[in-house]
Amino acid sequence: MRPSQSLLPLLERLKPDRIRVRPESSIFPTVWEFQSLSSTSDIAQELADADPKGFHVVTALEQTKGRGQHGRTWASRKGHGLLISLVLPKDRPWSRPSLWCAWCATALADLVCHHTSRSARIKWPNDILVQGQKIAGILIEQSIAVVVGIGLNITPFGERSKEPLWENACSLGDFMVPAPTLEEVTEGFLKRLEKGWLALEGGDLQRLEDSFARGLGLVGKQVLLETAGESYRGQVRSIRLGEIQLDLQERGIRAFSPEEILHIYPVEEGD
């Protein structure tokens, strides 16, 4: 399958190492694969500019300027992780950053659980943790289309003390030997995304909502919720894709939209 006419100039200029065809997929039929990039999301943005209504996937074995949330750096070593960005159209009626993040986070958490046989927790708003250590991260960027950047650590880091950014990180290979291959992880992730996408297209938001709430694991727990201007402490009553309800005791029950929430942390009763 050759890229559409609108992408041919980009294909000639970027010269991907391979365009892998996935004939069984109606959502992500091709993957643009590179050895090394500054960032997969940089290339994804170029694809979005050229074809904003298309679905595209960009992967790389190495990123020299990978980025995370709030301007942070996403550290990686060549061939040791899944470095992938998706281009998605913004024209769906349910399209909003919090939903895109929930969709990717639940697919990642399920993939990590599958490979490690351990529960994976979603840390608001965009991290996946195993046993308290970060194994994956998500970055949502919007312009003419949605660009979702994902990094997932696959193989162990070795001497962590020499790499401060990895001190509180883990990989799939820390929990299973041998670690899965990059190809296996990539396909597993894309298939989970596609399954979730088809559910969303069919109007089944409840399945994603339930999976997201389970992944966060905060319902019924005491939390500290931070917005841009204030912090709130209370018990989480419910988690939905459009809001989180917090019981603030004498202040009553308040609903917070995902866009309001910067961070939400579980706290102990006596803290």
Foldseek 3Di string as FASTA:
>chain_A
DDDDPLCVVVCVVVVAPDWDADVVDPAEGTEREHAEEQAQLVSLVVVCVSPVAHKYKYWYQYHNADAAPPGHGDDDDGQFKTKMKIWHHQPDPPRDPLLVQLLLQLLVQVLLCVLQVFGWADFPPFFIDGPQATFKGWDWDDDNTIMIIMIGGFAADPPCVVPVVCPRHGHSPVRDPPTDGNVVSVVSSVVSSSVSVVCVVVVNQVVSFVSSCVRNVQAQFWKWWDFPPDIATAGFPGTGSQWTWGQRDVVGIDTDGSVGTPGMGGDDPVD
